[in-house]
Amino acid sequence: MSGKILVVGATGTVGRHLVAALVAKGETVKAASRTPVAIAGAESVAFDFADPAPALDGVDRLYLLSPTGHLDPVGLLTPVITEAARRKIKIVLQTAIGVDADDNIPLRQVELAVERSGVPFVILRPNWFADNFETYWKGDILNGAIRVPAGDGASSFVDARDIADSAAGALTTDRFDGQAFALTGPEAVSYGQAAELLSGYYGRTISYQPIDDETFVAAMIKAGLSEGYAGFLAIIFHPVREGWTAGVTDAVETLSGHAPRSLEQWARDNLKASVAG
């Protein structure tokens, strides 16, 4: 393929790895974020979801996702999908595992808009990120207990690097066009098991304390999340409790050419016991 790839959310959890992976492949990359930040090997551009046209100039492929904390992905992403379709730009869309269960789910509605856009597309549905333990649950971990409403449910946590590598595969070939992939790690891990595993890497004892939705929402609001987004996070723990996020797929290997990293591998590469202090 030729032309440029626009990566939306280029400074984010997945985006920063994706830009690096694409640059390593020799691709010309436009790294898009609300406020441009210099990224090695890429052209940094400002991105406005309501007016995406300037950032899409010269682009033939697009990596698109709804930013964390946004509760109206349909309203946010529709202008981007419409403009990309007008320009016949291929779209690789990141949503979330399980959104295809009901066409009324907002992220599924975004997927349908992409599928009906008339341009080549690939949809990526990652499971819960391994990286969440260093973002969403970091405060809990430093306080000695992961407190989420997951019950006894397990998830096949996926490393953001594997999502990025999968996206790079989807963006640099047409072999996967028209398909959707559920991205998972190699095994399902409960939060209790995760707490035990992470204890060694953080250099402190970490427990898991399952809590109810109401307690969780209150804690997330106290931590600074909006009430609406805290409620959304509580809702998406329901599939975890029901065992729906425990499945494992071969999608990462199919798209990236390598096996997915385990939660332990993620911890080994990202955590140091010195953070205990």
C-alpha atoms as a PDB file:
ATOM      1  CA  MET A   1       0.000   0.000   0.000  1.00  0.00           C
ATOM      2  CA  SER A   2       1.050   3.616  -0.488  1.00  0.00           C
ATOM      3  CA  GLY A   3      -0.087   6.932   0.910  1.00  0.00           C
ATOM      4  CA  LYS A   4      -0.387   8.008   4.515  1.00  0.00           C
ATOM      5  CA  ILE A   5      -1.989   6.443   7.560  1.00  0.00           C
ATOM      6  CA  LEU A   6      -3.772   8.684  10.065  1.00  0.00           C
ATOM      7  CA  VAL A   7      -3.700   7.309  13.610  1.00  0.00           C
ATOM      8  CA  VAL A   8      -6.348   8.925  15.821  1.00  0.00           C
ATOM      9  CA  GLY A   9      -5.399   8.942  19.501  1.00  0.00           C
ATOM     10  CA  ALA A  10      -1.729   8.695  18.603  1.00  0.00           C
ATOM     11  CA  THR A  11      -0.536   9.518  22.114  1.00  0.00           C
ATOM     12  CA  GLY A  12      -2.906   7.060  23.800  1.00  0.00           C
ATOM     13  CA  THR A  13      -2.447   3.590  25.247  1.00  0.00           C
ATOM     14  CA  VAL A  14      -2.707   1.830  21.874  1.00  0.00           C
ATOM     15  CA  GLY A  15      -1.912   4.738  19.563  1.00  0.00           C
ATOM     16  CA  ARG A  16       1.631   5.324  20.720  1.00  0.00           C
ATOM     17  CA  HIS A  17       2.520   1.684  20.102  1.00  0.00           C
ATOM     18  CA  LEU A  18       0.718   1.684  16.759  1.00  0.00           C
ATOM     19  CA  VAL A  19       2.581   4.722  15.471  1.00  0.00           C
ATOM     20  CA  ALA A  20       5.887   3.087  16.412  1.00  0.00           C
ATOM     21  CA  ALA A  21       4.890  -0.205  14.753  1.00  0.00           C
ATOM     22  CA  LEU A  22       3.848   1.510  11.531  1.00  0.00           C
ATOM     23  CA  VAL A  23       6.984   3.645  11.394  1.00  0.00           C
ATOM     24  CA  ALA A  24       9.052   0.469  11.886  1.00  0.00           C
ATOM     25  CA  LYS A  25       7.255  -0.993   8.857  1.00  0.00           C
ATOM     26  CA  GLY A  26       8.303   2.008   6.780  1.00  0.00           C
ATOM     27  CA  GLU A  27       4.829   3.551   6.588  1.00  0.00           C
ATOM     28  CA  THR A  28       4.190   7.295   6.374  1.00  0.00           C
ATOM     29  CA  VAL A  29       2.208   8.171   9.473  1.00  0.00           C
ATOM     30  CA  LYS A  30       0.199  11.182  10.574  1.00  0.00           C
ATOM     31  CA  ALA A  31      -0.073  11.045  14.358  1.00  0.00           C
ATOM     32  CA  ALA A  32      -3.324  12.745  15.365  1.00  0.00           C
ATOM     33  CA  SER A  33      -4.196  14.086  18.787  1.00  0.00           C
ATOM     34  CA  ARG A  34      -6.184  16.969  20.210  1.00  0.00           C
ATOM     35  CA  THR A  35      -2.928  18.842  20.862  1.00  0.00           C
ATOM     36  CA  PRO A  36      -0.099  17.763  18.532  1.00  0.00           C
ATOM     37  CA  VAL A  37       2.874  16.159  20.243  1.00  0.00           C
ATOM     38  CA  ALA A  38       6.150  15.389  18.490  1.00  0.00           C
ATOM     39  CA  ILE A  39       6.437  11.647  17.841  1.00  0.00           C
ATOM     40  CA  ALA A  40       9.570  10.135  16.340  1.00  0.00           C
ATOM     41  CA  GLY A  41       9.182   9.233  12.669  1.00  0.00           C
ATOM     42  CA  ALA A  42       5.659  10.617  12.307  1.00  0.00           C
ATOM     43  CA  GLU A  43       3.982  13.861  11.267  1.00  0.00           C
ATOM     44  CA  SER A  44       2.070  15.237  14.252  1.00  0.00           C
ATOM     45  CA  VAL A  45      -1.284  16.835  13.438  1.00  0.00           C
ATOM     46  CA  ALA A  46      -4.137  18.373  15.396  1.00  0.00           C
ATOM     47  CA  PHE A  47      -7.387  16.419  15.213  1.00  0.00           C
ATOM     48  CA  ASP A  48     -10.923  17.690  15.650  1.00  0.00           C
ATOM     49  CA  PHE A  49     -13.647  15.031  15.576  1.00  0.00           C
ATOM     50  CA  ALA A  50     -16.170  17.625  14.423  1.00  0.00           C
ATOM     51  CA  ASP A  51     -13.929  18.809  11.563  1.00  0.00           C
ATOM     52  CA  PRO A  52     -11.626  15.951  10.558  1.00  0.00           C
ATOM     53  CA  ALA A  53     -11.027  17.085   6.975  1.00  0.00           C
ATOM     54  CA  PRO A  54      -7.686  18.899   7.513  1.00  0.00           C
ATOM     55  CA  ALA A  55      -6.122  15.898   9.250  1.00  0.00           C
ATOM     56  CA  LEU A  56      -7.376  13.528   6.529  1.00  0.00           C
ATOM     57  CA  ASP A  57      -5.610  15.339   3.683  1.00  0.00           C
ATOM     58  CA  GLY A  58      -3.338  12.931   1.818  1.00  0.00           C
ATOM     59  CA  VAL A  59      -4.518   9.938   3.854  1.00  0.00           C
ATOM     60  CA  ASP A  60      -5.588   6.581   2.386  1.00  0.00           C
ATOM     61  CA  ARG A  61      -5.943   4.612   5.646  1.00  0.00           C
ATOM     62  CA  LEU A  62      -7.356   5.569   9.026  1.00  0.00           C
ATOM     63  CA  TYR A  63      -7.158   4.094  12.510  1.00  0.00           C
ATOM     64  CA  LEU A  64     -10.190   5.267  14.442  1.00  0.00           C
ATOM     65  CA  LEU A  65     -11.504   4.848  17.979  1.00  0.00           C
ATOM     66  CA  SER A  66     -13.685   6.681  20.462  1.00  0.00           C
ATOM     67  CA  PRO A  67     -11.649   8.292  23.239  1.00  0.00           C
ATOM     68  CA  THR A  68     -11.926   7.068  26.811  1.00  0.00           C
ATOM     69  CA  GLY A  69     -14.615   8.789  28.806  1.00  0.00           C
ATOM     70  CA  HIS A  70     -16.874   9.698  25.885  1.00  0.00           C
ATOM     71  CA  LEU A  71     -20.455   8.460  26.167  1.00  0.00           C
ATOM     72  CA  ASP A  72     -21.720   9.296  22.650  1.00  0.00           C
ATOM     73  CA  PRO A  73     -19.397   7.524  20.208  1.00  0.00           C
ATOM     74  CA  VAL A  74     -22.000   7.654  17.436  1.00  0.00           C
ATOM     75  CA  GLY A  75     -22.256  11.432  17.544  1.00  0.00           C
ATOM     76  CA  LEU A  76     -18.511  11.828  17.947  1.00  0.00           C
ATOM     77  CA  LEU A  77     -17.324   9.482  15.203  1.00  0.00           C
ATOM     78  CA  THR A  78     -20.016   9.935  12.548  1.00  0.00           C
ATOM     79  CA  PRO A  79     -18.438  13.083  11.025  1.00  0.00           C
ATOM     80  CA  VAL A  80     -15.112  11.256  10.754  1.00  0.00           C
ATOM     81  CA  ILE A  81     -16.645   8.173   9.126  1.00  0.00           C
ATOM     82  CA  THR A  82     -18.629  10.337   6.717  1.00  0.00           C
ATOM     83  CA  GLU A  83     -15.563  12.331   5.640  1.00  0.00           C
ATOM     84  CA  ALA A  84     -13.412   9.200   5.355  1.00  0.00           C
ATOM     85  CA  ALA A  85     -16.061   7.555   3.184  1.00  0.00           C
ATOM     86  CA  ARG A  86     -16.257  10.629   0.964  1.00  0.00           C
ATOM     87  CA  ARG A  87     -12.515  10.389   0.413  1.00  0.00           C
ATOM     88  CA  LYS A  88     -12.596   6.565   0.012  1.00  0.00           C
ATOM     89  CA  ILE A  89     -10.240   6.065   2.948  1.00  0.00           C
ATOM     90  CA  LYS A  90      -9.925   2.596   4.449  1.00  0.00           C
ATOM     91  CA  ILE A  91     -11.029   2.492   8.112  1.00  0.00           C
ATOM     92  CA  VAL A  92      -9.647   0.248  10.829  1.00  0.00           C
ATOM     93  CA  LEU A  93     -11.996   0.764  13.761  1.00  0.00           C
ATOM     94  CA  GLN A  94     -11.282  -0.167  17.383  1.00  0.00           C
ATOM     95  CA  THR A  95     -14.373  -0.889  19.492  1.00  0.00           C
ATOM     96  CA  ALA A  96     -14.615  -3.479  22.292  1.00  0.00           C
ATOM     97  CA  ILE A  97     -15.207  -7.171  22.700  1.00  0.00           C
ATOM     98  CA  GLY A  98     -18.874  -8.178  22.801  1.00  0.00           C
ATOM     99  CA  VAL A  99     -20.391  -5.045  21.263  1.00  0.00           C
ATOM    100  CA  ASP A 100     -21.763  -7.154  18.421  1.00  0.00           C
ATOM    101  CA  ALA A 101     -24.154  -8.811  20.905  1.00  0.00           C
ATOM    102  CA  ASP A 102     -26.791  -6.125  20.311  1.00  0.00           C
ATOM    103  CA  ASP A 103     -27.115  -3.630  17.445  1.00  0.00           C
ATOM    104  CA  ASN A 104     -28.415  -1.055  19.938  1.00  0.00           C
ATOM    105  CA  ILE A 105     -25.063  -0.831  21.707  1.00  0.00           C
ATOM    106  CA  PRO A 106     -23.548   2.526  20.696  1.00  0.00           C
ATOM    107  CA  LEU A 107     -20.187   1.123  19.636  1.00  0.00           C
ATOM    108  CA  ARG A 108     -21.990  -1.490  17.550  1.00  0.00           C
ATOM    109  CA  GLN A 109     -23.873   1.339  15.865  1.00  0.00           C
ATOM    110  CA  VAL A 110     -20.516   2.889  15.003  1.00  0.00           C
ATOM    111  CA  GLU A 111     -19.397  -0.444  13.560  1.00  0.00           C
ATOM    112  CA  LEU A 112     -22.538  -0.609  11.431  1.00  0.00           C
ATOM    113  CA  ALA A 113     -21.885   2.898  10.123  1.00  0.00           C
ATOM    114  CA  VAL A 114     -18.400   1.820   9.058  1.00  0.00           C
ATOM    115  CA  GLU A 115     -19.670  -1.418   7.527  1.00  0.00           C
ATOM    116  CA  ARG A 116     -22.231   0.528   5.487  1.00  0.00           C
ATOM    117  CA  SER A 117     -19.835   3.308   4.490  1.00  0.00           C
ATOM    118  CA  GLY A 118     -18.773   1.652   1.265  1.00  0.00           C
ATOM    119  CA  VAL A 119     -15.030   1.788   2.033  1.00  0.00           C
ATOM    120  CA  PRO A 120     -12.690  -1.069   2.961  1.00  0.00           C
ATOM    121  CA  PHE A 121     -12.709  -1.683   6.704  1.00  0.00           C
ATOM    122  CA  VAL A 122     -11.471  -3.908   9.505  1.00  0.00           C
ATOM    123  CA  ILE A 123     -13.052  -3.917  12.967  1.00  0.00           C
ATOM    124  CA  LEU A 124     -10.979  -4.743  16.047  1.00  0.00           C
ATOM    125  CA  ARG A 125     -12.737  -5.654  19.298  1.00  0.00           C
ATOM    126  CA  PRO A 126     -10.163  -5.908  22.082  1.00  0.00           C
ATOM    127  CA  ASN A 127     -10.911  -7.520  25.408  1.00  0.00           C
ATOM    128  CA  TRP A 128     -10.090  -5.738  28.686  1.00  0.00           C
ATOM    129  CA  PHE A 129      -6.594  -4.243  28.490  1.00  0.00           C
ATOM    130  CA  ALA A 130      -3.784  -5.652  30.616  1.00  0.00           C
ATOM    131  CA  ASP A 131      -2.661  -2.018  30.754  1.00  0.00           C
ATOM    132  CA  ASN A 132      -5.723  -1.137  32.851  1.00  0.00           C
ATOM    133  CA  PHE A 133      -3.783  -2.283  35.898  1.00  0.00           C
ATOM    134  CA  GLU A 134      -1.432   0.674  35.360  1.00  0.00           C
ATOM    135  CA  THR A 135      -4.201   3.138  34.508  1.00  0.00           C
ATOM    136  CA  TYR A 136      -7.708   2.565  35.866  1.00  0.00           C
ATOM    137  CA  TRP A 137      -6.722   0.287  38.758  1.00  0.00           C
ATOM    138  CA  LYS A 138      -3.320   1.760  39.652  1.00  0.00           C
ATOM    139  CA  GLY A 139      -4.697   3.688  42.632  1.00  0.00           C
ATOM    140  CA  ASP A 140      -6.331   0.540  44.011  1.00  0.00           C
ATOM    141  CA  ILE A 141      -3.124  -1.419  43.538  1.00  0.00           C
ATOM    142  CA  LEU A 142      -1.030   1.145  45.392  1.00  0.00           C
ATOM    143  CA  ASN A 143      -3.592   0.976  48.204  1.00  0.00           C
ATOM    144  CA  GLY A 144      -3.177  -2.797  48.357  1.00  0.00           C
ATOM    145  CA  ALA A 145      -6.451  -4.076  46.869  1.00  0.00           C
ATOM    146  CA  ILE A 146      -8.087  -4.207  43.449  1.00  0.00           C
ATOM    147  CA  ARG A 147     -11.738  -3.300  44.081  1.00  0.00           C
ATOM    148  CA  VAL A 148     -13.949  -3.898  41.026  1.00  0.00           C
ATOM    149  CA  PRO A 149     -17.390  -5.499  40.459  1.00  0.00           C
ATOM    150  CA  ALA A 150     -16.028  -8.498  38.549  1.00  0.00           C
ATOM    151  CA  GLY A 151     -17.205 -11.219  40.905  1.00  0.00           C
ATOM    152  CA  ASP A 152     -15.378 -14.467  40.155  1.00  0.00           C
ATOM    153  CA  GLY A 153     -15.266 -13.714  36.429  1.00  0.00           C
ATOM    154  CA  ALA A 154     -12.124 -14.002  34.349  1.00  0.00           C
ATOM    155  CA  SER A 155     -10.936 -12.081  31.292  1.00  0.00           C
ATOM    156  CA  SER A 156      -8.384 -12.898  28.613  1.00  0.00           C
ATOM    157  CA  PHE A 157      -6.602  -9.579  29.150  1.00  0.00           C
ATOM    158  CA  VAL A 158      -4.922  -8.238  26.013  1.00  0.00           C
ATOM    159  CA  ASP A 159      -1.710  -6.221  25.900  1.00  0.00           C
ATOM    160  CA  ALA A 160      -2.020  -2.807  24.195  1.00  0.00           C
ATOM    161  CA  ARG A 161       1.093  -3.674  22.184  1.00  0.00           C
ATOM    162  CA  ASP A 162      -0.752  -6.643  20.709  1.00  0.00           C
ATOM    163  CA  ILE A 163      -3.725  -4.474  19.815  1.00  0.00           C
ATOM    164  CA  ALA A 164      -1.318  -2.086  18.100  1.00  0.00           C
ATOM    165  CA  ASP A 165       0.460  -4.885  16.242  1.00  0.00           C
ATOM    166  CA  SER A 166      -2.904  -6.285  15.136  1.00  0.00           C
ATOM    167  CA  ALA A 167      -3.968  -2.845  13.915  1.00  0.00           C
ATOM    168  CA  ALA A 168      -0.693  -2.465  12.036  1.00  0.00           C
ATOM    169  CA  GLY A 169      -1.390  -5.759  10.306  1.00  0.00           C
ATOM    170  CA  ALA A 170      -4.893  -4.659   9.365  1.00  0.00           C
ATOM    171  CA  LEU A 171      -3.650  -1.305   8.066  1.00  0.00           C
ATOM    172  CA  THR A 172      -0.835  -2.631   5.905  1.00  0.00           C
ATOM    173  CA  THR A 173      -2.619  -5.339   3.925  1.00  0.00           C
ATOM    174  CA  ASP A 174      -6.038  -5.846   2.363  1.00  0.00           C
ATOM    175  CA  ARG A 175      -6.182  -9.535   3.360  1.00  0.00           C
ATOM    176  CA  PHE A 176      -8.388  -8.818   6.373  1.00  0.00           C
ATOM    177  CA  ASP A 177     -10.717  -6.281   4.809  1.00  0.00           C
ATOM    178  CA  GLY A 178     -14.410  -6.700   5.583  1.00  0.00           C
ATOM    179  CA  GLN A 179     -13.748  -8.720   8.744  1.00  0.00           C
ATOM    180  CA  ALA A 180     -14.109  -8.187  12.498  1.00  0.00           C
ATOM    181  CA  PHE A 181     -11.726  -9.664  15.065  1.00  0.00           C
ATOM    182  CA  ALA A 182     -12.043 -10.182  18.827  1.00  0.00           C
ATOM    183  CA  LEU A 183      -8.579  -9.543  20.252  1.00  0.00           C
ATOM    184  CA  THR A 184      -7.620 -11.451  23.397  1.00  0.00           C
ATOM    185  CA  GLY A 185      -4.645 -12.550  25.390  1.00  0.00           C
ATOM    186  CA  PRO A 186      -3.612 -16.217  25.497  1.00  0.00           C
ATOM    187  CA  GLU A 187      -5.531 -17.182  28.643  1.00  0.00           C
ATOM    188  CA  ALA A 188      -8.336 -16.085  30.938  1.00  0.00           C
ATOM    189  CA  VAL A 189      -7.268 -14.676  34.297  1.00  0.00           C
ATOM    190  CA  SER A 190      -9.525 -13.742  37.221  1.00  0.00           C
ATOM    191  CA  TYR A 191      -8.925 -10.559  39.185  1.00  0.00           C
ATOM    192  CA  GLY A 192      -7.915 -12.676  42.150  1.00  0.00           C
ATOM    193  CA  GLN A 193      -5.291 -14.423  40.043  1.00  0.00           C
ATOM    194  CA  ALA A 194      -4.186 -11.095  38.597  1.00  0.00           C
ATOM    195  CA  ALA A 195      -3.762  -9.629  42.085  1.00  0.00           C
ATOM    196  CA  GLU A 196      -1.595 -12.576  43.116  1.00  0.00           C
ATOM    197  CA  LEU A 197       0.511 -12.331  39.968  1.00  0.00           C
ATOM    198  CA  LEU A 198       0.969  -8.571  40.195  1.00  0.00           C
ATOM    199  CA  SER A 199       1.956  -8.696  43.858  1.00  0.00           C
ATOM    200  CA  GLY A 200       5.354 -10.044  42.916  1.00  0.00           C
ATOM    201  CA  TYR A 201       5.991  -7.366  40.315  1.00  0.00           C
ATOM    202  CA  TYR A 202       4.843  -4.482  42.497  1.00  0.00           C
ATOM    203  CA  GLY A 203       6.804  -5.792  45.457  1.00  0.00           C
ATOM    204  CA  ARG A 204       3.800  -5.669  47.799  1.00  0.00           C
ATOM    205  CA  THR A 205       0.836  -7.854  48.685  1.00  0.00           C
ATOM    206  CA  ILE A 206      -2.171  -6.997  46.544  1.00  0.00           C
ATOM    207  CA  SER A 207      -5.572  -8.536  47.192  1.00  0.00           C
ATOM    208  CA  TYR A 208      -8.777  -8.598  45.177  1.00  0.00           C
ATOM    209  CA  GLN A 209     -11.965  -7.347  46.804  1.00  0.00           C
ATOM    210  CA  PRO A 210     -15.093  -7.846  44.674  1.00  0.00           C
ATOM    211  CA  ILE A 211     -17.552  -5.010  45.255  1.00  0.00           C
ATOM    212  CA  ASP A 212     -21.032  -4.135  44.038  1.00  0.00           C
ATOM    213  CA  ASP A 213     -21.789  -1.670  41.254  1.00  0.00           C
ATOM    214  CA  GLU A 214     -22.949   1.100  43.571  1.00  0.00           C
ATOM    215  CA  THR A 215     -19.752   1.035  45.617  1.00  0.00           C
ATOM    216  CA  PHE A 216     -17.671   0.931  42.452  1.00  0.00           C
ATOM    217  CA  VAL A 217     -19.452   3.890  40.853  1.00  0.00           C
ATOM    218  CA  ALA A 218     -19.023   5.970  44.002  1.00  0.00           C
ATOM    219  CA  ALA A 219     -15.297   5.182  44.085  1.00  0.00           C
ATOM    220  CA  MET A 220     -14.834   6.078  40.419  1.00  0.00           C
ATOM    221  CA  ILE A 221     -16.637   9.396  40.867  1.00  0.00           C
ATOM    222  CA  LYS A 222     -14.421  10.142  43.866  1.00  0.00           C
ATOM    223  CA  ALA A 223     -11.407   9.347  41.667  1.00  0.00           C
ATOM    224  CA  GLY A 224     -12.510  11.985  39.179  1.00  0.00           C
ATOM    225  CA  LEU A 225     -14.626  10.189  36.588  1.00  0.00           C
ATOM    226  CA  SER A 226     -17.988  11.584  35.566  1.00  0.00           C
ATOM    227  CA  GLU A 227     -21.047   9.875  36.996  1.00  0.00           C
ATOM    228  CA  GLY A 228     -22.090   8.791  33.502  1.00  0.00           C
ATOM    229  CA  TYR A 229     -18.766   7.214  32.636  1.00  0.00           C
ATOM    230  CA  ALA A 230     -18.440   5.571  36.049  1.00  0.00           C
ATOM    231  CA  GLY A 231     -21.863   4.028  35.470  1.00  0.00           C
ATOM    232  CA  PHE A 232     -20.791   2.856  32.033  1.00  0.00           C
ATOM    233  CA  LEU A 233     -17.744   1.100  33.486  1.00  0.00           C
ATOM    234  CA  ALA A 234     -19.941  -0.640  36.037  1.00  0.00           C
ATOM    235  CA  ILE A 235     -22.264  -1.866  33.283  1.00  0.00           C
ATOM    236  CA  ILE A 236     -19.455  -3.426  31.269  1.00  0.00           C
ATOM    237  CA  PHE A 237     -18.368  -5.489  34.261  1.00  0.00           C
ATOM    238  CA  HIS A 238     -21.609  -7.470  33.913  1.00  0.00           C
ATOM    239  CA  PRO A 239     -20.178  -9.539  31.019  1.00  0.00           C
ATOM    240  CA  VAL A 240     -17.093 -10.232  33.150  1.00  0.00           C
ATOM    241  CA  ARG A 241     -19.209 -11.622  35.997  1.00  0.00           C
ATOM    242  CA  GLU A 242     -21.169 -13.735  33.512  1.00  0.00           C
ATOM    243  CA  GLY A 243     -18.007 -15.274  32.063  1.00  0.00           C
ATOM    244  CA  TRP A 244     -18.402 -13.708  28.626  1.00  0.00           C
ATOM    245  CA  THR A 245     -14.908 -12.171  28.576  1.00  0.00           C
ATOM    246  CA  ALA A 246     -13.058 -15.400  29.319  1.00  0.00           C
ATOM    247  CA  GLY A 247     -12.839 -16.647  25.743  1.00  0.00           C
ATOM    248  CA  VAL A 248      -9.556 -16.836  23.845  1.00  0.00           C
ATOM    249  CA  THR A 249      -9.117 -16.254  20.111  1.00  0.00           C
ATOM    250  CA  ASP A 250      -6.248 -16.525  17.641  1.00  0.00           C
ATOM    251  CA  ALA A 251      -6.961 -13.064  16.198  1.00  0.00           C
ATOM    252  CA  VAL A 252      -3.782 -11.393  17.472  1.00  0.00           C
ATOM    253  CA  GLU A 253      -1.608 -14.037  15.866  1.00  0.00           C
ATOM    254  CA  THR A 254      -3.648 -13.949  12.637  1.00  0.00           C
ATOM    255  CA  LEU A 255      -3.290 -10.177  12.294  1.00  0.00           C
ATOM    256  CA  SER A 256       0.151  -9.571  13.761  1.00  0.00           C
ATOM    257  CA  GLY A 257       2.017 -12.772  12.959  1.00  0.00           C
ATOM    258  CA  HIS A 258       2.977 -13.422  16.587  1.00  0.00           C
ATOM    259  CA  ALA A 259       1.308 -14.989  19.606  1.00  0.00           C
ATOM    260  CA  PRO A 260      -0.359 -12.634  22.100  1.00  0.00           C
ATOM    261  CA  ARG A 261       1.510 -11.660  25.257  1.00  0.00           C
ATOM    262  CA  SER A 262       0.272 -13.014  28.579  1.00  0.00           C
ATOM    263  CA  LEU A 263      -0.635 -10.837  31.550  1.00  0.00           C
ATOM    264  CA  GLU A 264       2.568 -12.036  33.194  1.00  0.00           C
ATOM    265  CA  GLN A 265       4.592 -10.943  30.155  1.00  0.00           C
ATOM    266  CA  TRP A 266       2.888  -7.544  30.291  1.00  0.00           C
ATOM    267  CA  ALA A 267       3.789  -7.238  33.974  1.00  0.00           C
ATOM    268  CA  ARG A 268       7.371  -8.356  33.378  1.00  0.00           C
ATOM    269  CA  ASP A 269       7.821  -5.727  30.684  1.00  0.00           C
ATOM    270  CA  ASN A 270       5.990  -2.848  32.363  1.00  0.00           C
ATOM    271  CA  LEU A 271       6.309  -3.124  36.129  1.00  0.00           C
ATOM    272  CA  LYS A 272       9.135  -2.823  38.597  1.00  0.00           C
ATOM    273  CA  ALA A 273       9.077  -3.847  42.229  1.00  0.00           C
ATOM    274  CA  SER A 274      10.604  -0.456  43.054  1.00  0.00           C
ATOM    275  CA  VAL A 275       7.196   1.178  42.588  1.00  0.00           C
ATOM    276  CA  ALA A 276       6.282  -0.292  45.964  1.00  0.00           C
ATOM    277  CA  GLY A 277       8.043   2.652  47.547  1.00  0.00           C
END
